[in-house]
């Protein structure tokens, strides 16, 4: 299979292990190119790979370019939708809080992962502080957060609420 950014097709005869193996291959393939960390992801629908991603954080200078996010963006683009219901994701590592949130927002049906978040922590990718941080009250978070212009901002919400032709997501 071509290991570039191109999407591959796999017939319905492939197993969950085959799709996970592809995610693992993606996690290894780009390490020597210093594009990012050792993470890969594959999104499937009806037994076919519709998108692949590998970590590109350092190569693109984009802290959101995790393998799962890259794969979600490609899948949405390919299917021309923001709703990936009916799709599954195979990721070489348990998703971080950002990726897990994106998976939920994209409405993927199931997550398969190989390495655990504890395995990732052992090699320097410790996201535990993020899992804890999102549960804290806003005023107790590590990054100071201050609310500003609350009334002015509500205008956009009111406009949205009254918009008849909005696309809900």
N, C-alpha and C. Protein backbone atom coordinates (compact mmCIF):
# COMPACT_ATOMS: atom_id res chain seq x y z
N UNK A 1 0.82 -1.17 0.00
CA UNK A 1 0.00 0.00 0.00
C UNK A 1 0.87 1.24 0.00
N UNK A 2 0.48 2.25 -0.72
CA UNK A 2 1.19 3.51 -0.75
C UNK A 2 1.09 4.16 0.63
N UNK A 3 2.21 4.60 1.18
CA UNK A 3 2.19 5.15 2.54
C UNK A 3 2.24 6.66 2.54
N UNK A 4 1.88 7.29 1.45
CA UNK A 4 1.83 8.74 1.41
C UNK A 4 0.51 9.21 2.02
N UNK A 5 0.17 10.47 1.77
CA UNK A 5 -1.08 11.01 2.30
C UNK A 5 -2.29 10.51 1.54
N UNK A 6 -2.13 9.74 0.49
CA UNK A 6 -3.24 9.25 -0.29
C UNK A 6 -4.04 8.22 0.51
N UNK A 7 -5.30 8.15 0.20
CA UNK A 7 -6.19 7.21 0.87
C UNK A 7 -6.18 5.89 0.12
N UNK A 8 -6.23 4.80 0.86
CA UNK A 8 -6.21 3.47 0.28
C UNK A 8 -7.58 2.85 0.38
N UNK A 9 -7.86 1.91 -0.50
CA UNK A 9 -9.09 1.14 -0.41
C UNK A 9 -8.74 -0.27 0.02
N UNK A 10 -9.52 -0.81 0.95
CA UNK A 10 -9.33 -2.18 1.40
C UNK A 10 -10.69 -2.85 1.30
N UNK A 11 -10.74 -4.03 0.79
CA UNK A 11 -12.01 -4.72 0.61
C UNK A 11 -12.60 -5.12 1.96
N UNK A 12 -13.85 -5.52 1.93
CA UNK A 12 -14.56 -5.94 3.14
C UNK A 12 -13.99 -7.21 3.75
N UNK A 13 -13.09 -7.87 3.05
CA UNK A 13 -12.51 -9.11 3.55
C UNK A 13 -11.46 -8.86 4.62
N UNK A 14 -11.08 -7.63 4.85
CA UNK A 14 -10.05 -7.33 5.83
C UNK A 14 -10.64 -7.31 7.24
N UNK A 15 -9.77 -7.57 8.21
CA UNK A 15 -10.19 -7.65 9.61
C UNK A 15 -9.85 -6.38 10.37
N UNK A 16 -10.36 -6.29 11.58
CA UNK A 16 -10.01 -5.18 12.46
C UNK A 16 -8.49 -5.12 12.64
N UNK A 17 -7.88 -6.28 12.76
CA UNK A 17 -6.42 -6.33 12.93
C UNK A 17 -5.69 -5.77 11.72
N UNK A 18 -6.22 -5.99 10.51
CA UNK A 18 -5.62 -5.43 9.30
C UNK A 18 -5.65 -3.90 9.33
N UNK A 19 -6.79 -3.35 9.73
CA UNK A 19 -6.90 -1.89 9.79
C UNK A 19 -5.98 -1.32 10.87
N UNK A 20 -5.89 -2.02 12.01
CA UNK A 20 -5.00 -1.56 13.06
C UNK A 20 -3.55 -1.66 12.60
N UNK A 21 -3.21 -2.72 11.90
CA UNK A 21 -1.85 -2.85 11.38
C UNK A 21 -1.51 -1.68 10.48
N UNK A 22 -2.46 -1.22 9.68
CA UNK A 22 -2.22 -0.07 8.81
C UNK A 22 -1.97 1.18 9.66
N UNK A 23 -2.75 1.38 10.71
CA UNK A 23 -2.53 2.52 11.60
C UNK A 23 -1.14 2.46 12.23
N UNK A 24 -0.72 1.27 12.62
CA UNK A 24 0.61 1.09 13.20
C UNK A 24 1.69 1.37 12.16
N UNK A 25 1.49 0.92 10.93
CA UNK A 25 2.45 1.22 9.85
C UNK A 25 2.59 2.73 9.67
N UNK A 26 1.46 3.43 9.69
CA UNK A 26 1.50 4.89 9.55
C UNK A 26 2.24 5.53 10.72
N UNK A 27 2.10 4.96 11.91
CA UNK A 27 2.77 5.52 13.09
C UNK A 27 4.29 5.40 12.99
N UNK A 28 4.76 4.40 12.28
CA UNK A 28 6.20 4.16 12.12
C UNK A 28 6.80 4.86 10.91
N UNK A 29 6.03 4.96 9.85
CA UNK A 29 6.56 5.33 8.54
C UNK A 29 7.21 6.71 8.47
N UNK A 30 6.66 7.69 9.12
CA UNK A 30 7.14 9.06 8.95
C UNK A 30 8.08 9.53 10.05
N UNK A 31 8.48 8.64 10.94
CA UNK A 31 9.37 9.03 12.04
C UNK A 31 10.71 9.54 11.55
N UNK A 32 11.25 8.93 10.51
CA UNK A 32 12.55 9.36 10.01
C UNK A 32 12.49 10.68 9.26
N UNK A 33 11.31 11.16 8.96
CA UNK A 33 11.15 12.43 8.25
C UNK A 33 10.89 13.58 9.23
N UNK A 34 10.89 13.31 10.53
CA UNK A 34 10.66 14.29 11.58
C UNK A 34 9.39 15.10 11.36
N UNK A 35 8.33 14.42 10.91
CA UNK A 35 7.06 15.11 10.70
C UNK A 35 6.23 15.18 11.97
N UNK A 36 6.51 14.28 12.91
CA UNK A 36 5.75 14.27 14.16
C UNK A 36 6.02 13.03 14.96
N UNK A 37 5.19 12.79 15.96
CA UNK A 37 5.36 11.66 16.85
C UNK A 37 4.89 10.35 16.26
N UNK A 38 5.04 9.26 17.03
CA UNK A 38 4.77 7.91 16.54
C UNK A 38 3.29 7.52 16.63
N UNK A 39 2.47 8.19 15.85
CA UNK A 39 1.03 7.95 15.92
C UNK A 39 0.43 7.87 14.52
N UNK A 40 -0.46 6.91 14.32
CA UNK A 40 -1.16 6.75 13.05
C UNK A 40 -2.62 6.44 13.28
N UNK A 41 -3.45 6.76 12.30
CA UNK A 41 -4.89 6.51 12.42
C UNK A 41 -5.49 6.19 11.05
N UNK A 42 -6.51 5.36 11.08
CA UNK A 42 -7.23 4.96 9.88
C UNK A 42 -8.72 5.05 10.18
N UNK A 43 -9.48 5.61 9.25
CA UNK A 43 -10.94 5.65 9.39
C UNK A 43 -11.53 4.77 8.29
N UNK A 44 -12.46 3.91 8.71
CA UNK A 44 -13.09 2.99 7.77
C UNK A 44 -14.60 3.18 7.75
N UNK A 45 -15.18 2.77 6.65
CA UNK A 45 -16.64 2.70 6.53
C UNK A 45 -16.96 1.50 5.67
N UNK A 46 -17.81 0.64 6.16
CA UNK A 46 -18.21 -0.56 5.42
C UNK A 46 -17.02 -1.39 4.96
N UNK A 47 -16.02 -1.53 5.82
CA UNK A 47 -14.88 -2.37 5.51
C UNK A 47 -13.89 -1.78 4.54
N UNK A 48 -13.96 -0.49 4.30
CA UNK A 48 -13.04 0.18 3.38
C UNK A 48 -12.37 1.36 4.09
N UNK A 49 -11.09 1.52 3.88
CA UNK A 49 -10.39 2.68 4.42
C UNK A 49 -10.81 3.89 3.61
N UNK A 50 -11.32 4.91 4.31
CA UNK A 50 -11.69 6.13 3.61
C UNK A 50 -10.74 7.28 3.92
N UNK A 51 -9.94 7.14 4.98
CA UNK A 51 -8.96 8.18 5.30
C UNK A 51 -7.89 7.62 6.21
N UNK A 52 -6.70 8.19 6.07
CA UNK A 52 -5.55 7.83 6.91
C UNK A 52 -4.91 9.11 7.40
N UNK A 53 -4.25 8.99 8.54
CA UNK A 53 -3.51 10.13 9.06
C UNK A 53 -2.34 9.66 9.90
N UNK A 54 -1.33 10.48 9.93
CA UNK A 54 -0.19 10.25 10.82
C UNK A 54 0.12 11.58 11.48
N UNK A 55 0.79 11.52 12.62
CA UNK A 55 1.09 12.73 13.37
C UNK A 55 2.00 13.64 12.56
N UNK A 56 1.58 14.90 12.43
CA UNK A 56 2.33 15.89 11.64
C UNK A 56 2.59 17.17 12.43
N UNK A 57 2.58 17.07 13.75
CA UNK A 57 2.69 18.26 14.60
C UNK A 57 3.96 19.05 14.31
N UNK A 58 5.12 18.40 14.36
CA UNK A 58 6.37 19.15 14.19
C UNK A 58 6.62 19.52 12.73
N UNK A 59 6.21 18.68 11.81
CA UNK A 59 6.43 18.96 10.40
C UNK A 59 5.61 20.11 9.86
N UNK A 60 4.40 20.31 10.43
CA UNK A 60 3.52 21.37 9.96
C UNK A 60 3.44 22.55 10.93
N UNK A 61 4.13 22.41 12.07
CA UNK A 61 4.07 23.44 13.13
C UNK A 61 2.63 23.67 13.57
N UNK A 62 1.87 22.58 13.65
CA UNK A 62 0.46 22.64 14.01
C UNK A 62 0.21 21.69 15.17
N UNK A 63 0.01 22.21 16.38
CA UNK A 63 -0.19 21.33 17.54
C UNK A 63 -1.47 20.50 17.47
N UNK A 64 -2.36 20.81 16.53
CA UNK A 64 -3.58 20.01 16.39
C UNK A 64 -3.45 18.92 15.33
N UNK A 65 -2.32 18.80 14.69
CA UNK A 65 -2.14 17.85 13.58
C UNK A 65 -1.82 16.44 14.09
N UNK A 66 -2.61 15.98 15.05
CA UNK A 66 -2.48 14.61 15.53
C UNK A 66 -3.04 13.67 14.47
N UNK A 67 -2.64 12.43 14.50
CA UNK A 67 -3.04 11.46 13.49
C UNK A 67 -4.56 11.37 13.36
N UNK A 68 -5.26 11.33 14.48
CA UNK A 68 -6.70 11.20 14.46
C UNK A 68 -7.36 12.43 13.82
N UNK A 69 -6.87 13.60 14.17
CA UNK A 69 -7.43 14.84 13.62
C UNK A 69 -7.19 14.90 12.12
N UNK A 70 -5.98 14.55 11.69
CA UNK A 70 -5.65 14.53 10.26
C UNK A 70 -6.59 13.57 9.54
N UNK A 71 -6.79 12.38 10.08
CA UNK A 71 -7.66 11.39 9.45
C UNK A 71 -9.12 11.87 9.43
N UNK A 72 -9.59 12.48 10.50
CA UNK A 72 -10.96 13.00 10.55
C UNK A 72 -11.15 14.07 9.49
N UNK A 73 -10.21 14.99 9.37
CA UNK A 73 -10.32 16.05 8.36
C UNK A 73 -10.39 15.46 6.96
N UNK A 74 -9.54 14.47 6.70
CA UNK A 74 -9.54 13.84 5.37
C UNK A 74 -10.84 13.09 5.12
N UNK A 75 -11.34 12.37 6.11
CA UNK A 75 -12.59 11.61 5.94
C UNK A 75 -13.75 12.56 5.68
N UNK A 76 -13.83 13.63 6.45
CA UNK A 76 -14.91 14.60 6.24
C UNK A 76 -14.82 15.23 4.86
N UNK A 77 -13.62 15.54 4.43
CA UNK A 77 -13.42 16.12 3.11
C UNK A 77 -13.83 15.13 2.03
N UNK A 78 -13.39 13.90 2.17
CA UNK A 78 -13.70 12.88 1.16
C UNK A 78 -15.20 12.61 1.07
N UNK A 79 -15.87 12.54 2.24
CA UNK A 79 -17.30 12.24 2.25
C UNK A 79 -18.18 13.49 2.16
N UNK A 80 -17.54 14.64 2.17
CA UNK A 80 -18.24 15.93 2.07
C UNK A 80 -19.29 16.07 3.18
N UNK A 81 -18.87 15.79 4.41
CA UNK A 81 -19.76 15.89 5.56
C UNK A 81 -18.95 16.11 6.83
N UNK A 82 -19.60 16.63 7.86
CA UNK A 82 -18.96 16.74 9.17
C UNK A 82 -19.40 15.61 10.08
N UNK A 83 -20.31 14.77 9.61
CA UNK A 83 -20.88 13.69 10.40
C UNK A 83 -20.35 12.35 9.89
N UNK A 84 -19.48 11.73 10.66
CA UNK A 84 -18.87 10.46 10.26
C UNK A 84 -19.58 9.26 10.89
N UNK A 85 -20.87 9.39 11.16
CA UNK A 85 -21.65 8.24 11.62
C UNK A 85 -21.51 7.14 10.58
N UNK A 86 -21.42 5.91 11.06
CA UNK A 86 -21.22 4.79 10.15
C UNK A 86 -19.76 4.47 9.92
N UNK A 87 -18.87 5.27 10.51
CA UNK A 87 -17.43 5.06 10.36
C UNK A 87 -16.82 4.63 11.69
N UNK A 88 -15.66 4.00 11.59
CA UNK A 88 -14.89 3.58 12.76
C UNK A 88 -13.47 4.09 12.61
N UNK A 89 -12.80 4.30 13.74
CA UNK A 89 -11.42 4.77 13.71
C UNK A 89 -10.52 3.75 14.39
N UNK A 90 -9.39 3.52 13.77
CA UNK A 90 -8.33 2.65 14.30
C UNK A 90 -7.14 3.57 14.52
N UNK A 91 -6.67 3.62 15.75
CA UNK A 91 -5.57 4.52 16.07
C UNK A 91 -4.50 3.76 16.84
N UNK A 92 -3.26 4.06 16.52
CA UNK A 92 -2.15 3.31 17.09
C UNK A 92 -1.99 3.54 18.59
N UNK A 93 -2.68 4.56 19.11
CA UNK A 93 -2.61 4.85 20.54
C UNK A 93 -3.95 5.39 21.02
N UNK A 94 -4.27 5.13 22.25
CA UNK A 94 -5.49 5.66 22.86
C UNK A 94 -5.53 7.17 22.62
N UNK A 95 -6.62 7.71 22.12
CA UNK A 95 -6.67 9.13 21.79
C UNK A 95 -6.49 10.05 23.00
N UNK A 96 -5.78 11.14 22.75
CA UNK A 96 -5.63 12.19 23.77
C UNK A 96 -6.97 12.90 23.93
N UNK A 97 -7.12 13.76 24.93
CA UNK A 97 -8.40 14.45 25.13
C UNK A 97 -8.87 15.24 23.90
N UNK A 98 -7.95 15.90 23.19
CA UNK A 98 -8.34 16.66 22.00
C UNK A 98 -8.89 15.73 20.93
N UNK A 99 -8.18 14.65 20.66
CA UNK A 99 -8.60 13.71 19.62
C UNK A 99 -9.88 12.99 20.02
N UNK A 100 -9.98 12.63 21.28
CA UNK A 100 -11.19 11.98 21.77
C UNK A 100 -12.40 12.89 21.57
N UNK A 101 -12.23 14.17 21.88
CA UNK A 101 -13.31 15.13 21.68
C UNK A 101 -13.67 15.24 20.20
N UNK A 102 -12.67 15.30 19.34
CA UNK A 102 -12.93 15.39 17.90
C UNK A 102 -13.65 14.15 17.40
N UNK A 103 -13.29 12.99 17.91
CA UNK A 103 -13.96 11.75 17.53
C UNK A 103 -15.44 11.81 17.91
N UNK A 104 -15.72 12.32 19.09
CA UNK A 104 -17.11 12.46 19.51
C UNK A 104 -17.85 13.49 18.64
N UNK A 105 -17.21 14.64 18.38
CA UNK A 105 -17.84 15.66 17.55
C UNK A 105 -18.11 15.13 16.14
N UNK A 106 -17.23 14.28 15.63
CA UNK A 106 -17.39 13.72 14.29
C UNK A 106 -18.39 12.56 14.27
N UNK A 107 -18.79 12.10 15.43
CA UNK A 107 -19.79 11.04 15.59
C UNK A 107 -19.34 9.68 15.04
N UNK A 108 -18.06 9.39 15.17
CA UNK A 108 -17.58 8.07 14.76
C UNK A 108 -18.24 7.01 15.64
N UNK A 109 -18.51 5.85 15.05
CA UNK A 109 -19.25 4.81 15.76
C UNK A 109 -18.43 4.03 16.78
N UNK A 110 -17.14 3.84 16.51
CA UNK A 110 -16.33 3.01 17.40
C UNK A 110 -14.86 3.41 17.29
N UNK A 111 -14.15 3.23 18.41
CA UNK A 111 -12.71 3.51 18.48
C UNK A 111 -12.00 2.20 18.78
N UNK A 112 -10.99 1.89 17.98
CA UNK A 112 -10.07 0.79 18.26
C UNK A 112 -8.70 1.42 18.48
N UNK A 113 -7.98 1.00 19.51
CA UNK A 113 -6.64 1.54 19.73
C UNK A 113 -5.68 0.44 20.13
N UNK A 114 -4.38 0.70 19.95
CA UNK A 114 -3.34 -0.28 20.27
C UNK A 114 -2.63 0.12 21.57
N UNK A 115 -1.71 1.06 21.52
CA UNK A 115 -1.01 1.51 22.72
C UNK A 115 -1.97 2.28 23.63
N UNK A 116 -1.75 2.16 24.94
CA UNK A 116 -2.58 2.89 25.90
C UNK A 116 -1.98 4.26 26.17
N UNK A 117 -2.73 5.11 26.85
CA UNK A 117 -2.19 6.43 27.21
C UNK A 117 -1.06 6.28 28.22
N UNK A 118 -1.07 5.21 29.01
CA UNK A 118 0.04 4.96 29.93
C UNK A 118 1.30 4.58 29.15
N UNK A 119 1.14 3.80 28.07
CA UNK A 119 2.29 3.49 27.20
C UNK A 119 2.87 4.77 26.61
N UNK A 120 2.00 5.67 26.17
CA UNK A 120 2.45 6.94 25.59
C UNK A 120 3.19 7.78 26.63
N UNK A 121 2.69 7.78 27.85
CA UNK A 121 3.34 8.55 28.92
C UNK A 121 4.76 8.05 29.16
N UNK A 122 4.97 6.77 29.02
CA UNK A 122 6.30 6.20 29.26
C UNK A 122 7.34 6.68 28.25
N UNK A 123 6.89 7.16 27.07
CA UNK A 123 7.85 7.66 26.08
C UNK A 123 7.77 9.18 25.93
N UNK A 124 7.13 9.85 26.91
CA UNK A 124 7.15 11.30 26.94
C UNK A 124 5.89 11.99 26.44
N UNK A 125 4.84 11.26 26.12
CA UNK A 125 3.58 11.85 25.68
C UNK A 125 2.54 11.66 26.78
N UNK A 126 2.69 12.41 27.86
CA UNK A 126 1.83 12.26 29.02
C UNK A 126 0.70 13.27 28.96
N UNK A 127 -0.48 12.82 28.66
CA UNK A 127 -1.66 13.68 28.54
C UNK A 127 -2.51 13.68 29.80
N UNK A 128 -2.05 13.02 30.84
CA UNK A 128 -2.86 12.89 32.05
C UNK A 128 -3.25 14.26 32.62
N UNK A 129 -2.34 15.23 32.54
CA UNK A 129 -2.66 16.55 33.06
C UNK A 129 -3.83 17.17 32.30
N UNK A 130 -3.97 16.85 31.01
CA UNK A 130 -5.10 17.37 30.23
C UNK A 130 -6.41 16.71 30.66
N UNK A 131 -6.36 15.41 30.88
CA UNK A 131 -7.56 14.72 31.37
C UNK A 131 -8.02 15.35 32.68
N UNK A 132 -7.08 15.68 33.56
CA UNK A 132 -7.43 16.28 34.85
C UNK A 132 -7.85 17.74 34.69
N UNK A 133 -7.18 18.45 33.81
CA UNK A 133 -7.42 19.88 33.64
C UNK A 133 -8.85 20.17 33.17
N UNK A 134 -9.36 19.40 32.23
CA UNK A 134 -10.71 19.67 31.70
C UNK A 134 -11.79 19.43 32.74
N UNK A 135 -11.49 18.68 33.77
CA UNK A 135 -12.47 18.43 34.84
C UNK A 135 -12.48 19.52 35.91
N UNK A 136 -11.45 20.34 35.93
CA UNK A 136 -11.36 21.40 36.95
C UNK A 136 -12.31 22.55 36.63
N UNK A 137 -12.80 23.24 37.66
CA UNK A 137 -13.55 24.48 37.41
C UNK A 137 -12.64 25.47 36.66
N UNK A 138 -13.23 26.28 35.81
CA UNK A 138 -12.46 27.22 34.99
C UNK A 138 -11.47 28.03 35.83
N UNK A 139 -11.92 28.49 36.99
CA UNK A 139 -11.06 29.36 37.82
C UNK A 139 -9.88 28.60 38.43
N UNK A 140 -9.89 27.27 38.39
CA UNK A 140 -8.80 26.49 38.97
C UNK A 140 -7.86 25.88 37.92
N UNK A 141 -8.04 26.23 36.68
CA UNK A 141 -7.19 25.67 35.63
C UNK A 141 -5.83 26.34 35.60
N UNK A 142 -4.86 25.62 35.07
CA UNK A 142 -3.47 26.10 35.05
C UNK A 142 -3.31 27.37 34.22
N UNK A 143 -3.98 27.44 33.07
CA UNK A 143 -3.92 28.65 32.24
C UNK A 143 -5.01 29.59 32.73
N UNK A 144 -4.64 30.78 33.19
CA UNK A 144 -5.66 31.73 33.66
C UNK A 144 -6.67 32.01 32.55
N UNK A 145 -7.94 31.99 32.93
CA UNK A 145 -9.03 32.19 31.98
C UNK A 145 -9.94 33.27 32.52
N UNK A 146 -10.24 34.26 31.67
CA UNK A 146 -11.07 35.38 32.10
C UNK A 146 -12.17 35.61 31.07
N UNK A 147 -13.36 35.78 31.54
CA UNK A 147 -14.51 36.04 30.67
C UNK A 147 -14.60 37.53 30.38
N UNK A 148 -14.79 37.88 29.10
CA UNK A 148 -14.89 39.28 28.68
C UNK A 148 -16.04 39.46 27.69
N UNK A 149 -16.66 40.61 27.69
CA UNK A 149 -17.67 41.04 26.72
C UNK A 149 -18.79 40.01 26.51
N UNK A 150 -19.24 39.50 27.59
CA UNK A 150 -20.28 38.46 27.57
C UNK A 150 -21.54 38.92 26.84
N UNK A 151 -22.03 40.11 27.13
CA UNK A 151 -23.27 40.59 26.50
C UNK A 151 -23.09 40.80 25.00
N UNK A 152 -21.96 41.35 24.59
CA UNK A 152 -21.71 41.58 23.16
C UNK A 152 -21.62 40.25 22.40
N UNK A 153 -21.04 39.27 23.03
CA UNK A 153 -20.88 37.97 22.39
C UNK A 153 -22.22 37.25 22.23
N UNK A 154 -23.16 37.52 23.08
CA UNK A 154 -24.47 36.87 23.00
C UNK A 154 -25.22 37.22 21.72
N UNK A 155 -24.84 38.32 21.08
CA UNK A 155 -25.50 38.72 19.83
C UNK A 155 -25.38 37.61 18.79
N UNK A 156 -24.18 37.05 18.65
CA UNK A 156 -23.98 35.96 17.67
C UNK A 156 -24.84 34.76 18.03
N UNK A 157 -24.95 34.46 19.30
CA UNK A 157 -25.79 33.33 19.73
C UNK A 157 -27.27 33.59 19.43
N UNK A 158 -27.71 34.82 19.66
CA UNK A 158 -29.10 35.17 19.36
C UNK A 158 -29.36 35.08 17.86
N UNK A 159 -28.43 35.57 17.07
CA UNK A 159 -28.57 35.48 15.61
C UNK A 159 -28.66 34.03 15.18
N UNK A 160 -27.81 33.19 15.74
CA UNK A 160 -27.83 31.76 15.42
C UNK A 160 -29.17 31.13 15.84
N UNK A 161 -29.60 31.44 17.04
CA UNK A 161 -30.83 30.86 17.55
C UNK A 161 -32.02 31.21 16.66
N UNK A 162 -32.02 32.40 16.10
CA UNK A 162 -33.15 32.86 15.27
C UNK A 162 -32.98 32.55 13.79
N UNK A 163 -31.88 31.99 13.41
CA UNK A 163 -31.60 31.68 12.01
C UNK A 163 -32.44 30.47 11.57
N UNK A 164 -33.25 30.66 10.55
CA UNK A 164 -34.15 29.59 10.09
C UNK A 164 -33.43 28.53 9.26
N UNK A 165 -32.39 28.90 8.55
CA UNK A 165 -31.74 27.98 7.62
C UNK A 165 -30.42 27.43 8.15
N UNK A 166 -30.26 27.33 9.45
CA UNK A 166 -29.00 26.85 10.02
C UNK A 166 -28.86 25.33 9.84
N UNK A 167 -27.63 24.91 9.73
CA UNK A 167 -27.33 23.49 9.68
C UNK A 167 -26.88 23.08 11.07
N UNK A 168 -27.66 22.28 11.73
CA UNK A 168 -27.33 21.84 13.09
C UNK A 168 -26.24 20.79 13.05
N UNK A 169 -25.41 20.83 14.05
CA UNK A 169 -24.37 19.80 14.18
C UNK A 169 -24.14 19.46 15.62
